[in-house]
């Protein structure tokens, strides 16, 4: 099998020497996304930031042939657990009845002082 690079036209550009995601077989693994629009604007309000990150991640998953329901795991790195409830609210709204596994940890700092970063593991539909 070939390791394929995934690029989304909807997600923000990579800020370093990494790609949006990789696909191996039907497995899709994304790089972390921060709340940065494709036009280069940072979003700091936690609910809007959460929705932007999840939409950007989903666009990468879709570039690999997956969909929201094929997301198996989301890793969330949050700058402050004071934002946990608001992040959860936006997260629940985004995923609806689909409930991927999740890790959520507080971290000391993120690029540009954004409130969160997240990544996804998903599977392409067969």
PDB file of N, CA and C in Angstrom:
ATOM      1  N   UNK A   1       0.838  -1.191   0.000  1.00  0.00           N
ATOM      2  CA  UNK A   1       0.000   0.000   0.000  1.00  0.00           C
ATOM      3  C   UNK A   1       0.878   1.248   0.000  1.00  0.00           C
ATOM      4  N   UNK A   2       0.319   2.290  -0.514  1.00  0.00           N
ATOM      5  CA  UNK A   2       1.028   3.554  -0.642  1.00  0.00           C
ATOM      6  C   UNK A   2       0.571   4.539   0.435  1.00  0.00           C
ATOM      7  N   UNK A   3       1.504   5.286   0.995  1.00  0.00           N
ATOM      8  CA  UNK A   3       1.201   6.354   1.938  1.00  0.00           C
ATOM      9  C   UNK A   3       0.942   7.614   1.120  1.00  0.00           C
ATOM     10  N   UNK A   4      -0.305   8.102   1.150  1.00  0.00           N
ATOM     11  CA  UNK A   4      -0.692   9.248   0.325  1.00  0.00           C
ATOM     12  C   UNK A   4      -0.809  10.509   1.175  1.00  0.00           C
ATOM     13  N   UNK A   5      -0.370  11.628   0.607  1.00  0.00           N
ATOM     14  CA  UNK A   5      -0.513  12.917   1.270  1.00  0.00           C
ATOM     15  C   UNK A   5      -1.904  13.474   0.995  1.00  0.00           C
ATOM     16  N   UNK A   6      -2.532  14.025   2.026  1.00  0.00           N
ATOM     17  CA  UNK A   6      -3.854  14.640   1.877  1.00  0.00           C
ATOM     18  C   UNK A   6      -3.723  16.152   2.009  1.00  0.00           C
ATOM     19  N   UNK A   7      -4.406  16.857   1.120  1.00  0.00           N
ATOM     20  CA  UNK A   7      -4.429  18.314   1.153  1.00  0.00           C
ATOM     21  C   UNK A   7      -5.877  18.753   1.015  1.00  0.00           C
ATOM     22  N   UNK A   8      -6.283  19.675   1.874  1.00  0.00           N
ATOM     23  CA  UNK A   8      -7.632  20.237   1.790  1.00  0.00           C
ATOM     24  C   UNK A   8      -7.534  21.699   1.375  1.00  0.00           C
ATOM     25  N   UNK A   9      -8.348  22.092   0.425  1.00  0.00           N
ATOM     26  CA  UNK A   9      -8.416  23.491   0.018  1.00  0.00           C
ATOM     27  C   UNK A   9      -9.204  24.327   1.025  1.00  0.00           C
ATOM     28  N   UNK A  10      -9.932  23.669   1.921  1.00  0.00           N
ATOM     29  CA  UNK A  10     -10.757  24.362   2.911  1.00  0.00           C
ATOM     30  C   UNK A  10     -10.014  24.650   4.210  1.00  0.00           C
ATOM     31  N   UNK A  11      -9.038  23.821   4.555  1.00  0.00           N
ATOM     32  CA  UNK A  11      -8.309  23.981   5.813  1.00  0.00           C
ATOM     33  C   UNK A  11      -7.239  25.059   5.681  1.00  0.00           C
ATOM     34  N   UNK A  12      -6.791  25.558   6.822  1.00  0.00           N
ATOM     35  CA  UNK A  12      -5.726  26.557   6.825  1.00  0.00           C
ATOM     36  C   UNK A  12      -4.425  25.927   6.337  1.00  0.00           C
ATOM     37  N   UNK A  13      -3.551  26.737   5.788  1.00  0.00           N
ATOM     38  CA  UNK A  13      -2.273  26.190   5.318  1.00  0.00           C
ATOM     39  C   UNK A  13      -1.412  25.724   6.490  1.00  0.00           C
ATOM     40  N   UNK A  14      -0.554  24.751   6.237  1.00  0.00           N
ATOM     41  CA  UNK A  14       0.358  24.263   7.275  1.00  0.00           C
ATOM     42  C   UNK A  14       1.321  25.377   7.668  1.00  0.00           C
ATOM     43  N   UNK A  15       1.585  25.492   8.964  1.00  0.00           N
ATOM     44  CA  UNK A  15       2.494  26.525   9.456  1.00  0.00           C
ATOM     45  C   UNK A  15       3.923  26.015   9.611  1.00  0.00           C
ATOM     46  N   UNK A  16       4.156  24.786   9.219  1.00  0.00           N
ATOM     47  CA  UNK A  16       5.479  24.200   9.365  1.00  0.00           C
ATOM     48  C   UNK A  16       5.706  23.127   8.322  1.00  0.00           C
ATOM     49  N   UNK A  17       6.746  22.332   8.519  1.00  0.00           N
ATOM     50  CA  UNK A  17       7.096  21.298   7.540  1.00  0.00           C
ATOM     51  C   UNK A  17       6.298  20.015   7.728  1.00  0.00           C
ATOM     52  N   UNK A  18       4.998  20.104   7.536  1.00  0.00           N
ATOM     53  CA  UNK A  18       4.113  18.951   7.663  1.00  0.00           C
ATOM     54  C   UNK A  18       2.969  19.098   6.674  1.00  0.00           C
ATOM     55  N   UNK A  19       2.251  18.010   6.450  1.00  0.00           N
ATOM     56  CA  UNK A  19       1.108  18.038   5.537  1.00  0.00           C
ATOM     57  C   UNK A  19      -0.190  18.011   6.346  1.00  0.00           C
ATOM     58  N   UNK A  20      -1.290  18.266   5.673  1.00  0.00           N
ATOM     59  CA  UNK A  20      -2.599  18.230   6.336  1.00  0.00           C
ATOM     60  C   UNK A  20      -2.909  16.854   6.910  1.00  0.00           C
ATOM     61  N   UNK A  21      -2.578  15.831   6.151  1.00  0.00           N
ATOM     62  CA  UNK A  21      -2.900  14.491   6.609  1.00  0.00           C
ATOM     63  C   UNK A  21      -2.263  13.441   5.729  1.00  0.00           C
ATOM     64  N   UNK A  22      -2.395  12.214   6.172  1.00  0.00           N
ATOM     65  CA  UNK A  22      -1.892  11.067   5.422  1.00  0.00           C
ATOM     66  C   UNK A  22      -2.962   9.986   5.393  1.00  0.00           C
ATOM     67  N   UNK A  23      -2.945   9.230   4.306  1.00  0.00           N
ATOM     68  CA  UNK A  23      -3.857   8.104   4.159  1.00  0.00           C
ATOM     69  C   UNK A  23      -3.033   6.875   3.820  1.00  0.00           C
ATOM     70  N   UNK A  24      -3.270   5.812   4.555  1.00  0.00           N
ATOM     71  CA  UNK A  24      -2.613   4.534   4.296  1.00  0.00           C
ATOM     72  C   UNK A  24      -3.702   3.479   4.269  1.00  0.00           C
ATOM     73  N   UNK A  25      -3.925   2.882   3.108  1.00  0.00           N
ATOM     74  CA  UNK A  25      -5.069   1.989   2.978  1.00  0.00           C
ATOM     75  C   UNK A  25      -6.328   2.827   3.135  1.00  0.00           C
ATOM     76  N   UNK A  26      -7.176   2.434   4.080  1.00  0.00           N
ATOM     77  CA  UNK A  26      -8.374   3.246   4.317  1.00  0.00           C
ATOM     78  C   UNK A  26      -8.264   4.079   5.595  1.00  0.00           C
ATOM     79  N   UNK A  27      -7.092   4.075   6.240  1.00  0.00           N
ATOM     80  CA  UNK A  27      -6.886   4.865   7.452  1.00  0.00           C
ATOM     81  C   UNK A  27      -6.433   6.273   7.107  1.00  0.00           C
ATOM     82  N   UNK A  28      -7.063   7.263   7.758  1.00  0.00           N
ATOM     83  CA  UNK A  28      -6.766   8.676   7.552  1.00  0.00           C
ATOM     84  C   UNK A  28      -6.307   9.253   8.893  1.00  0.00           C
ATOM     85  N   UNK A  29      -5.138   9.885   8.879  1.00  0.00           N
ATOM     86  CA  UNK A  29      -4.610  10.525  10.090  1.00  0.00           C
ATOM     87  C   UNK A  29      -4.310  11.976   9.731  1.00  0.00           C
ATOM     88  N   UNK A  30      -4.890  12.908  10.482  1.00  0.00           N
ATOM     89  CA  UNK A  30      -4.656  14.323  10.201  1.00  0.00           C
ATOM     90  C   UNK A  30      -3.550  14.873  11.096  1.00  0.00           C
ATOM     91  N   UNK A  31      -2.946  15.940  10.630  1.00  0.00           N
ATOM     92  CA  UNK A  31      -2.088  16.745  11.490  1.00  0.00           C
ATOM     93  C   UNK A  31      -2.999  17.578  12.381  1.00  0.00           C
ATOM     94  N   UNK A  32      -2.435  18.160  13.409  1.00  0.00           N
ATOM     95  CA  UNK A  32      -3.207  19.053  14.270  1.00  0.00           C
ATOM     96  C   UNK A  32      -3.611  20.306  13.515  1.00  0.00           C
ATOM     97  N   UNK A  33      -4.785  20.790  13.837  1.00  0.00           N
ATOM     98  CA  UNK A  33      -5.289  22.040  13.268  1.00  0.00           C
ATOM     99  C   UNK A  33      -5.595  22.995  14.408  1.00  0.00           C
ATOM    100  N   UNK A  34      -5.172  24.232  14.247  1.00  0.00           N
ATOM    101  CA  UNK A  34      -5.529  25.282  15.195  1.00  0.00           C
ATOM    102  C   UNK A  34      -6.613  26.132  14.541  1.00  0.00           C
ATOM    103  N   UNK A  35      -7.291  26.975  15.310  1.00  0.00           N
ATOM    104  CA  UNK A  35      -8.359  27.792  14.726  1.00  0.00           C
ATOM    105  C   UNK A  35      -7.805  28.945  13.885  1.00  0.00           C
ATOM    106  N   UNK A  36      -7.389  28.585  12.689  1.00  0.00           N
ATOM    107  CA  UNK A  36      -6.848  29.518  11.719  1.00  0.00           C
ATOM    108  C   UNK A  36      -7.627  29.317  10.427  1.00  0.00           C
ATOM    109  N   UNK A  37      -8.197  30.392   9.909  1.00  0.00           N
ATOM    110  CA  UNK A  37      -8.953  30.288   8.666  1.00  0.00           C
ATOM    111  C   UNK A  37      -7.995  30.107   7.497  1.00  0.00           C
ATOM    112  N   UNK A  38      -8.524  29.664   6.375  1.00  0.00           N
ATOM    113  CA  UNK A  38      -7.679  29.508   5.183  1.00  0.00           C
ATOM    114  C   UNK A  38      -7.173  30.856   4.695  1.00  0.00           C
ATOM    115  N   UNK A  39      -7.802  31.955   5.167  1.00  0.00           N
ATOM    116  CA  UNK A  39      -7.361  33.303   4.815  1.00  0.00           C
ATOM    117  C   UNK A  39      -6.346  33.862   5.812  1.00  0.00           C
ATOM    118  N   UNK A  40      -5.956  33.048   6.793  1.00  0.00           N
ATOM    119  CA  UNK A  40      -4.911  33.455   7.726  1.00  0.00           C
ATOM    120  C   UNK A  40      -5.370  34.201   8.963  1.00  0.00           C
ATOM    121  N   UNK A  41      -6.667  34.125   9.291  1.00  0.00           N
ATOM    122  CA  UNK A  41      -7.179  34.802  10.487  1.00  0.00           C
ATOM    123  C   UNK A  41      -7.346  33.805  11.629  1.00  0.00           C
ATOM    124  N   UNK A  42      -6.862  34.180  12.821  1.00  0.00           N
ATOM    125  CA  UNK A  42      -7.006  33.339  14.007  1.00  0.00           C
ATOM    126  C   UNK A  42      -8.356  33.610  14.657  1.00  0.00           C
ATOM    127  N   UNK A  43      -8.951  32.566  15.242  1.00  0.00           N
ATOM    128  CA  UNK A  43     -10.226  32.677  15.948  1.00  0.00           C
ATOM    129  C   UNK A  43      -9.958  32.315  17.410  1.00  0.00           C
ATOM    130  N   UNK A  44     -10.382  33.168  18.323  1.00  0.00           N
ATOM    131  CA  UNK A  44     -10.064  32.978  19.738  1.00  0.00           C
ATOM    132  C   UNK A  44     -11.264  32.613  20.608  1.00  0.00           C
ATOM    133  N   UNK A  45     -12.471  32.953  20.188  1.00  0.00           N
ATOM    134  CA  UNK A  45     -13.656  32.592  20.976  1.00  0.00           C
ATOM    135  C   UNK A  45     -13.794  31.075  20.905  1.00  0.00           C
ATOM    136  N   UNK A  46     -13.919  30.424  22.053  1.00  0.00           N
ATOM    137  CA  UNK A  46     -13.755  28.968  22.138  1.00  0.00           C
ATOM    138  C   UNK A  46     -14.769  28.182  21.300  1.00  0.00           C
ATOM    139  N   UNK A  47     -16.026  28.557  21.309  1.00  0.00           N
ATOM    140  CA  UNK A  47     -17.010  27.800  20.521  1.00  0.00           C
ATOM    141  C   UNK A  47     -16.744  27.950  19.024  1.00  0.00           C
ATOM    142  N   UNK A  48     -16.516  29.174  18.583  1.00  0.00           N
ATOM    143  CA  UNK A  48     -16.224  29.407  17.166  1.00  0.00           C
ATOM    144  C   UNK A  48     -14.906  28.742  16.781  1.00  0.00           C
ATOM    145  N   UNK A  49     -13.919  28.796  17.673  1.00  0.00           N
ATOM    146  CA  UNK A  49     -12.623  28.161  17.413  1.00  0.00           C
ATOM    147  C   UNK A  49     -12.780  26.645  17.287  1.00  0.00           C
ATOM    148  N   UNK A  50     -13.573  26.048  18.166  1.00  0.00           N
ATOM    149  CA  UNK A  50     -13.807  24.604  18.132  1.00  0.00           C
ATOM    150  C   UNK A  50     -14.474  24.202  16.823  1.00  0.00           C
ATOM    151  N   UNK A  51     -15.504  24.930  16.428  1.00  0.00           N
ATOM    152  CA  UNK A  51     -16.213  24.610  15.183  1.00  0.00           C
ATOM    153  C   UNK A  51     -15.287  24.749  13.971  1.00  0.00           C
ATOM    154  N   UNK A  52     -14.470  25.803  13.941  1.00  0.00           N
ATOM    155  CA  UNK A  52     -13.549  25.999  12.822  1.00  0.00           C
ATOM    156  C   UNK A  52     -12.551  24.847  12.740  1.00  0.00           C
ATOM    157  N   UNK A  53     -11.974  24.481  13.865  1.00  0.00           N
ATOM    158  CA  UNK A  53     -10.998  23.381  13.887  1.00  0.00           C
ATOM    159  C   UNK A  53     -11.644  22.088  13.406  1.00  0.00           C
ATOM    160  N   UNK A  54     -12.834  21.781  13.905  1.00  0.00           N
ATOM    161  CA  UNK A  54     -13.498  20.537  13.512  1.00  0.00           C
ATOM    162  C   UNK A  54     -13.870  20.543  12.033  1.00  0.00           C
ATOM    163  N   UNK A  55     -14.328  21.671  11.520  1.00  0.00           N
ATOM    164  CA  UNK A  55     -14.651  21.759  10.089  1.00  0.00           C
ATOM    165  C   UNK A  55     -13.389  21.609   9.240  1.00  0.00           C
ATOM    166  N   UNK A  56     -12.294  22.245   9.662  1.00  0.00           N
ATOM    167  CA  UNK A  56     -11.033  22.102   8.923  1.00  0.00           C
ATOM    168  C   UNK A  56     -10.566  20.653   8.928  1.00  0.00           C
ATOM    169  N   UNK A  57     -10.639  20.010  10.095  1.00  0.00           N
ATOM    170  CA  UNK A  57     -10.232  18.602  10.183  1.00  0.00           C
ATOM    171  C   UNK A  57     -11.116  17.720   9.307  1.00  0.00           C
ATOM    172  N   UNK A  58     -12.413  17.953   9.345  1.00  0.00           N
ATOM    173  CA  UNK A  58     -13.320  17.155   8.527  1.00  0.00           C
ATOM    174  C   UNK A  58     -13.020  17.334   7.047  1.00  0.00           C
ATOM    175  N   UNK A  59     -12.638  18.534   6.632  1.00  0.00           N
ATOM    176  CA  UNK A  59     -12.316  18.750   5.216  1.00  0.00           C
ATOM    177  C   UNK A  59     -11.098  17.919   4.805  1.00  0.00           C
ATOM    178  N   UNK A  60     -10.170  17.704   5.721  1.00  0.00           N
ATOM    179  CA  UNK A  60      -9.009  16.851   5.439  1.00  0.00           C
ATOM    180  C   UNK A  60      -9.448  15.390   5.358  1.00  0.00           C
ATOM    181  N   UNK A  61     -10.296  14.974   6.302  1.00  0.00           N
ATOM    182  CA  UNK A  61     -10.832  13.608   6.280  1.00  0.00           C
ATOM    183  C   UNK A  61     -11.577  13.365   4.966  1.00  0.00           C
ATOM    184  N   UNK A  62     -12.381  14.326   4.550  1.00  0.00           N
ATOM    185  CA  UNK A  62     -13.129  14.189   3.292  1.00  0.00           C
ATOM    186  C   UNK A  62     -12.192  14.135   2.092  1.00  0.00           C
ATOM    187  N   UNK A  63     -11.062  14.849   2.145  1.00  0.00           N
ATOM    188  CA  UNK A  63     -10.079  14.790   1.058  1.00  0.00           C
ATOM    189  C   UNK A  63      -9.503  13.382   0.924  1.00  0.00           C
ATOM    190  N   UNK A  64      -9.562  12.616   2.013  1.00  0.00           N
ATOM    191  CA  UNK A  64      -9.089  11.241   1.988  1.00  0.00           C
ATOM    192  C   UNK A  64     -10.176  10.220   1.740  1.00  0.00           C
ATOM    193  N   UNK A  65     -11.401  10.685   1.506  1.00  0.00           N
ATOM    194  CA  UNK A  65     -12.497   9.761   1.216  1.00  0.00           C
ATOM    195  C   UNK A  65     -13.323   9.379   2.427  1.00  0.00           C
ATOM    196  N   UNK A  66     -13.089  10.032   3.557  1.00  0.00           N
ATOM    197  CA  UNK A  66     -13.879   9.763   4.753  1.00  0.00           C
ATOM    198  C   UNK A  66     -15.024  10.741   4.902  1.00  0.00           C
ATOM    199  N   UNK A  67     -15.745  10.614   6.000  1.00  0.00           N
ATOM    200  CA  UNK A  67     -16.865  11.498   6.308  1.00  0.00           C
ATOM    201  C   UNK A  67     -16.946  11.647   7.831  1.00  0.00           C
ATOM    202  N   UNK A  68     -17.842  12.487   8.272  1.00  0.00           N
ATOM    203  CA  UNK A  68     -17.987  12.725   9.711  1.00  0.00           C
ATOM    204  C   UNK A  68     -18.209  11.418  10.470  1.00  0.00           C
ATOM    205  N   UNK A  69     -19.050  10.553   9.926  1.00  0.00           N
ATOM    206  CA  UNK A  69     -19.382   9.299  10.608  1.00  0.00           C
ATOM    207  C   UNK A  69     -18.226   8.298  10.594  1.00  0.00           C
ATOM    208  N   UNK A  70     -17.188   8.558   9.789  1.00  0.00           N
ATOM    209  CA  UNK A  70     -16.033   7.652   9.762  1.00  0.00           C
ATOM    210  C   UNK A  70     -14.913   8.114  10.695  1.00  0.00           C
ATOM    211  N   UNK A  71     -15.127   9.222  11.393  1.00  0.00           N
ATOM    212  CA  UNK A  71     -14.132   9.701  12.360  1.00  0.00           C
ATOM    213  C   UNK A  71     -14.176   8.780  13.569  1.00  0.00           C
ATOM    214  N   UNK A  72     -13.037   8.162  13.865  1.00  0.00           N
ATOM    215  CA  UNK A  72     -12.959   7.207  14.970  1.00  0.00           C
ATOM    216  C   UNK A  72     -12.438   7.848  16.256  1.00  0.00           C
ATOM    217  N   UNK A  73     -11.558   8.855  16.120  1.00  0.00           N
ATOM    218  CA  UNK A  73     -10.943   9.447  17.305  1.00  0.00           C
ATOM    219  C   UNK A  73     -10.601  10.905  17.043  1.00  0.00           C
ATOM    220  N   UNK A  74     -10.760  11.709  18.082  1.00  0.00           N
ATOM    221  CA  UNK A  74     -10.365  13.116  18.043  1.00  0.00           C
ATOM    222  C   UNK A  74      -9.475  13.366  19.256  1.00  0.00           C
ATOM    223  N   UNK A  75      -8.316  13.962  19.011  1.00  0.00           N
ATOM    224  CA  UNK A  75      -7.423  14.374  20.087  1.00  0.00           C
ATOM    225  C   UNK A  75      -7.512  15.883  20.201  1.00  0.00           C
ATOM    226  N   UNK A  76      -7.839  16.383  21.392  1.00  0.00           N
ATOM    227  CA  UNK A  76      -8.017  17.811  21.619  1.00  0.00           C
ATOM    228  C   UNK A  76      -6.996  18.274  22.654  1.00  0.00           C
ATOM    229  N   UNK A  77      -6.314  19.346  22.323  1.00  0.00           N
ATOM    230  CA  UNK A  77      -5.373  19.983  23.234  1.00  0.00           C
ATOM    231  C   UNK A  77      -5.935  21.368  23.509  1.00  0.00           C
ATOM    232  N   UNK A  78      -6.335  21.604  24.750  1.00  0.00           N
ATOM    233  CA  UNK A  78      -7.024  22.838  25.100  1.00  0.00           C
ATOM    234  C   UNK A  78      -6.134  23.665  26.027  1.00  0.00           C
ATOM    235  N   UNK A  79      -6.129  24.962  25.803  1.00  0.00           N
ATOM    236  CA  UNK A  79      -5.258  25.846  26.568  1.00  0.00           C
ATOM    237  C   UNK A  79      -5.734  26.025  28.006  1.00  0.00           C
ATOM    238  N   UNK A  80      -7.030  25.949  28.238  1.00  0.00           N
ATOM    239  CA  UNK A  80      -7.569  26.129  29.586  1.00  0.00           C
ATOM    240  C   UNK A  80      -8.788  25.232  29.786  1.00  0.00           C
ATOM    241  N   UNK A  81      -8.763  24.465  30.861  1.00  0.00           N
ATOM    242  CA  UNK A  81      -9.935  23.630  31.160  1.00  0.00           C
ATOM    243  C   UNK A  81     -11.142  24.475  31.567  1.00  0.00           C
ATOM    244  N   UNK A  82     -10.942  25.759  31.780  1.00  0.00           N
ATOM    245  CA  UNK A  82     -12.086  26.656  31.996  1.00  0.00           C
ATOM    246  C   UNK A  82     -12.962  26.704  30.749  1.00  0.00           C
ATOM    247  N   UNK A  83     -12.396  26.386  29.588  1.00  0.00           N
ATOM    248  CA  UNK A  83     -13.135  26.381  28.322  1.00  0.00           C
ATOM    249  C   UNK A  83     -13.722  25.016  27.987  1.00  0.00           C
ATOM    250  N   UNK A  84     -13.545  24.035  28.870  1.00  0.00           N
ATOM    251  CA  UNK A  84     -13.949  22.661  28.582  1.00  0.00           C
ATOM    252  C   UNK A  84     -15.441  22.540  28.270  1.00  0.00           C
ATOM    253  N   UNK A  85     -16.297  23.141  29.083  1.00  0.00           N
ATOM    254  CA  UNK A  85     -17.746  23.024  28.873  1.00  0.00           C
ATOM    255  C   UNK A  85     -18.169  23.652  27.546  1.00  0.00           C
ATOM    256  N   UNK A  86     -17.633  24.821  27.237  1.00  0.00           N
ATOM    257  CA  UNK A  86     -17.984  25.493  25.976  1.00  0.00           C
ATOM    258  C   UNK A  86     -17.460  24.704  24.774  1.00  0.00           C
ATOM    259  N   UNK A  87     -16.256  24.151  24.898  1.00  0.00           N
ATOM    260  CA  UNK A  87     -15.710  23.322  23.817  1.00  0.00           C
ATOM    261  C   UNK A  87     -16.588  22.095  23.618  1.00  0.00           C
ATOM    262  N   UNK A  88     -16.990  21.453  24.722  1.00  0.00           N
ATOM    263  CA  UNK A  88     -17.854  20.275  24.653  1.00  0.00           C
ATOM    264  C   UNK A  88     -19.182  20.593  23.973  1.00  0.00           C
ATOM    265  N   UNK A  89     -19.723  21.761  24.256  1.00  0.00           N
ATOM    266  CA  UNK A  89     -21.000  22.163  23.661  1.00  0.00           C
ATOM    267  C   UNK A  89     -20.866  22.257  22.135  1.00  0.00           C
ATOM    268  N   UNK A  90     -19.814  22.924  21.670  1.00  0.00           N
ATOM    269  CA  UNK A  90     -19.596  23.043  20.226  1.00  0.00           C
ATOM    270  C   UNK A  90     -19.287  21.673  19.619  1.00  0.00           C
ATOM    271  N   UNK A  91     -18.505  20.868  20.313  1.00  0.00           N
ATOM    272  CA  UNK A  91     -18.137  19.525  19.853  1.00  0.00           C
ATOM    273  C   UNK A  91     -19.393  18.665  19.677  1.00  0.00           C
ATOM    274  N   UNK A  92     -20.279  18.691  20.669  1.00  0.00           N
ATOM    275  CA  UNK A  92     -21.523  17.911  20.602  1.00  0.00           C
ATOM    276  C   UNK A  92     -22.411  18.398  19.453  1.00  0.00           C
ATOM    277  N   UNK A  93     -22.463  19.701  19.258  1.00  0.00           N
ATOM    278  CA  UNK A  93     -23.251  20.253  18.150  1.00  0.00           C
ATOM    279  C   UNK A  93     -22.677  19.787  16.812  1.00  0.00           C
ATOM    280  N   UNK A  94     -21.373  19.787  16.678  1.00  0.00           N
ATOM    281  CA  UNK A  94     -20.724  19.389  15.436  1.00  0.00           C
ATOM    282  C   UNK A  94     -20.980  17.916  15.118  1.00  0.00           C
ATOM    283  N   UNK A  95     -20.797  17.037  16.090  1.00  0.00           N
ATOM    284  CA  UNK A  95     -20.886  15.603  15.830  1.00  0.00           C
ATOM    285  C   UNK A  95     -22.303  15.044  15.962  1.00  0.00           C
ATOM    286  N   UNK A  96     -23.201  15.714  16.633  1.00  0.00           N
ATOM    287  CA  UNK A  96     -24.559  15.193  16.787  1.00  0.00           C
ATOM    288  C   UNK A  96     -24.555  13.852  17.488  1.00  0.00           C
ATOM    289  N   UNK A  97     -25.219  12.864  16.896  1.00  0.00           N
ATOM    290  CA  UNK A  97     -25.316  11.541  17.516  1.00  0.00           C
ATOM    291  C   UNK A  97     -24.059  10.692  17.350  1.00  0.00           C
ATOM    292  N   UNK A  98     -23.176  11.078  16.443  1.00  0.00           N
ATOM    293  CA  UNK A  98     -21.916  10.338  16.260  1.00  0.00           C
ATOM    294  C   UNK A  98     -20.963  10.722  17.398  1.00  0.00           C
ATOM    295  N   UNK A  99     -20.408   9.744  18.064  1.00  0.00           N
ATOM    296  CA  UNK A  99     -19.540  10.020  19.195  1.00  0.00           C
ATOM    297  C   UNK A  99     -18.201   9.293  19.039  1.00  0.00           C
ATOM    298  N   UNK A 100     -17.235   9.941  18.353  1.00  0.00           N
ATOM    299  CA  UNK A 100     -15.915   9.320  18.228  1.00  0.00           C
ATOM    300  C   UNK A 100     -15.238   9.222  19.595  1.00  0.00           C
ATOM    301  N   UNK A 101     -14.255   8.336  19.717  1.00  0.00           N
ATOM    302  CA  UNK A 101     -13.455   8.330  20.937  1.00  0.00           C
ATOM    303  C   UNK A 101     -12.707   9.657  20.991  1.00  0.00           C
ATOM    304  N   UNK A 102     -12.286  10.050  22.198  1.00  0.00           N
ATOM    305  CA  UNK A 102     -11.647  11.364  22.311  1.00  0.00           C
ATOM    306  C   UNK A 102     -10.643  11.395  23.449  1.00  0.00           C
ATOM    307  N   UNK A 103      -9.613  12.155  23.242  1.00  0.00           N
ATOM    308  CA  UNK A 103      -8.664  12.529  24.277  1.00  0.00           C
ATOM    309  C   UNK A 103      -8.745  14.046  24.379  1.00  0.00           C
ATOM    310  N   UNK A 104      -8.773  14.578  25.590  1.00  0.00           N
ATOM    311  CA  UNK A 104      -8.750  16.033  25.768  1.00  0.00           C
ATOM    312  C   UNK A 104      -7.820  16.338  26.934  1.00  0.00           C
ATOM    313  N   UNK A 105      -6.769  17.088  26.661  1.00  0.00           N
ATOM    314  CA  UNK A 105      -5.816  17.451  27.704  1.00  0.00           C
ATOM    315  C   UNK A 105      -5.557  18.948  27.668  1.00  0.00           C
ATOM    316  N   UNK A 106      -5.265  19.488  28.843  1.00  0.00           N
ATOM    317  CA  UNK A 106      -4.878  20.890  28.932  1.00  0.00           C
ATOM    318  C   UNK A 106      -3.385  20.993  28.654  1.00  0.00           C
ATOM    319  N   UNK A 107      -3.014  21.987  27.854  1.00  0.00           N
ATOM    320  CA  UNK A 107      -1.611  22.235  27.549  1.00  0.00           C
ATOM    321  C   UNK A 107      -1.257  23.659  27.971  1.00  0.00           C
ATOM    322  N   UNK A 108       0.011  23.885  28.184  1.00  0.00           N
ATOM    323  CA  UNK A 108       0.449  25.194  28.675  1.00  0.00           C
ATOM    324  C   UNK A 108       0.317  26.298  27.632  1.00  0.00           C
ATOM    325  N   UNK A 109       0.655  25.992  26.393  1.00  0.00           N
ATOM    326  CA  UNK A 109       0.626  27.033  25.361  1.00  0.00           C
ATOM    327  C   UNK A 109       0.416  26.406  23.992  1.00  0.00           C
ATOM    328  N   UNK A 110      -0.187  27.194  23.110  1.00  0.00           N
ATOM    329  CA  UNK A 110      -0.404  26.807  21.716  1.00  0.00           C
ATOM    330  C   UNK A 110       0.035  27.972  20.823  1.00  0.00           C
ATOM    331  N   UNK A 111       0.302  27.730  19.544  1.00  0.00           N
ATOM    332  CA  UNK A 111       0.744  28.809  18.656  1.00  0.00           C
ATOM    333  C   UNK A 111      -0.213  29.997  18.659  1.00  0.00           C
ATOM    334  N   UNK A 112       0.348  31.179  18.674  1.00  0.00           N
ATOM    335  CA  UNK A 112      -0.410  32.436  18.595  1.00  0.00           C
ATOM    336  C   UNK A 112      -1.433  32.595  19.729  1.00  0.00           C
ATOM    337  N   UNK A 113      -1.304  31.818  20.795  1.00  0.00           N
ATOM    338  CA  UNK A 113      -2.215  31.943  21.931  1.00  0.00           C
ATOM    339  C   UNK A 113      -3.625  31.448  21.671  1.00  0.00           C
ATOM    340  N   UNK A 114      -3.793  30.597  20.639  1.00  0.00           N
ATOM    341  CA  UNK A 114      -5.129  30.079  20.331  1.00  0.00           C
ATOM    342  C   UNK A 114      -5.610  29.168  21.462  1.00  0.00           C
ATOM    343  N   UNK A 115      -6.934  28.979  21.590  1.00  0.00           N
ATOM    344  CA  UNK A 115      -7.460  28.219  22.720  1.00  0.00           C
ATOM    345  C   UNK A 115      -7.407  26.696  22.584  1.00  0.00           C
ATOM    346  N   UNK A 116      -7.234  26.164  21.349  1.00  0.00           N
ATOM    347  CA  UNK A 116      -7.192  24.717  21.211  1.00  0.00           C
ATOM    348  C   UNK A 116      -6.546  24.305  19.903  1.00  0.00           C
ATOM    349  N   UNK A 117      -6.147  23.049  19.877  1.00  0.00           N
ATOM    350  CA  UNK A 117      -5.672  22.377  18.677  1.00  0.00           C
ATOM    351  C   UNK A 117      -6.259  20.978  18.725  1.00  0.00           C
ATOM    352  N   UNK A 118      -6.540  20.400  17.576  1.00  0.00           N
ATOM    353  CA  UNK A 118      -7.100  19.052  17.555  1.00  0.00           C
ATOM    354  C   UNK A 118      -6.636  18.316  16.303  1.00  0.00           C
ATOM    355  N   UNK A 119      -6.743  16.990  16.356  1.00  0.00           N
ATOM    356  CA  UNK A 119      -6.453  16.145  15.204  1.00  0.00           C
ATOM    357  C   UNK A 119      -7.489  15.024  15.170  1.00  0.00           C
ATOM    358  N   UNK A 120      -7.588  14.353  14.032  1.00  0.00           N
ATOM    359  CA  UNK A 120      -8.553  13.267  13.863  1.00  0.00           C
ATOM    360  C   UNK A 120      -7.889  12.030  13.275  1.00  0.00           C
ATOM    361  N   UNK A 121      -8.449  10.900  13.641  1.00  0.00           N
ATOM    362  CA  UNK A 121      -8.170   9.630  12.972  1.00  0.00           C
ATOM    363  C   UNK A 121      -9.502   9.139  12.425  1.00  0.00           C
ATOM    364  N   UNK A 122      -9.529   8.801  11.153  1.00  0.00           N
ATOM    365  CA  UNK A 122     -10.777   8.373  10.512  1.00  0.00           C
ATOM    366  C   UNK A 122     -10.470   7.281   9.497  1.00  0.00           C
ATOM    367  N   UNK A 123     -11.504   6.814   8.852  1.00  0.00           N
ATOM    368  CA  UNK A 123     -11.362   5.762   7.845  1.00  0.00           C
ATOM    369  C   UNK A 123     -12.123   6.156   6.593  1.00  0.00           C
ATOM    370  N   UNK A 124     -11.513   5.879   5.449  1.00  0.00           N
ATOM    371  CA  UNK A 124     -12.183   6.141   4.174  1.00  0.00           C
ATOM    372  C   UNK A 124     -13.286   5.121   3.996  1.00  0.00           C
ATOM    373  N   UNK A 125     -14.348   5.546   3.371  1.00  0.00           N
ATOM    374  CA  UNK A 125     -15.464   4.642   3.114  1.00  0.00           C
ATOM    375  C   UNK A 125     -15.064   3.685   2.005  1.00  0.00           C
ATOM    376  N   UNK A 126     -15.530   2.472   2.140  1.00  0.00           N
ATOM    377  CA  UNK A 126     -15.171   1.465   1.134  1.00  0.00           C
ATOM    378  C   UNK A 126     -16.310   1.195   0.202  1.00  0.00           C
TER     379      UNK A 126
END
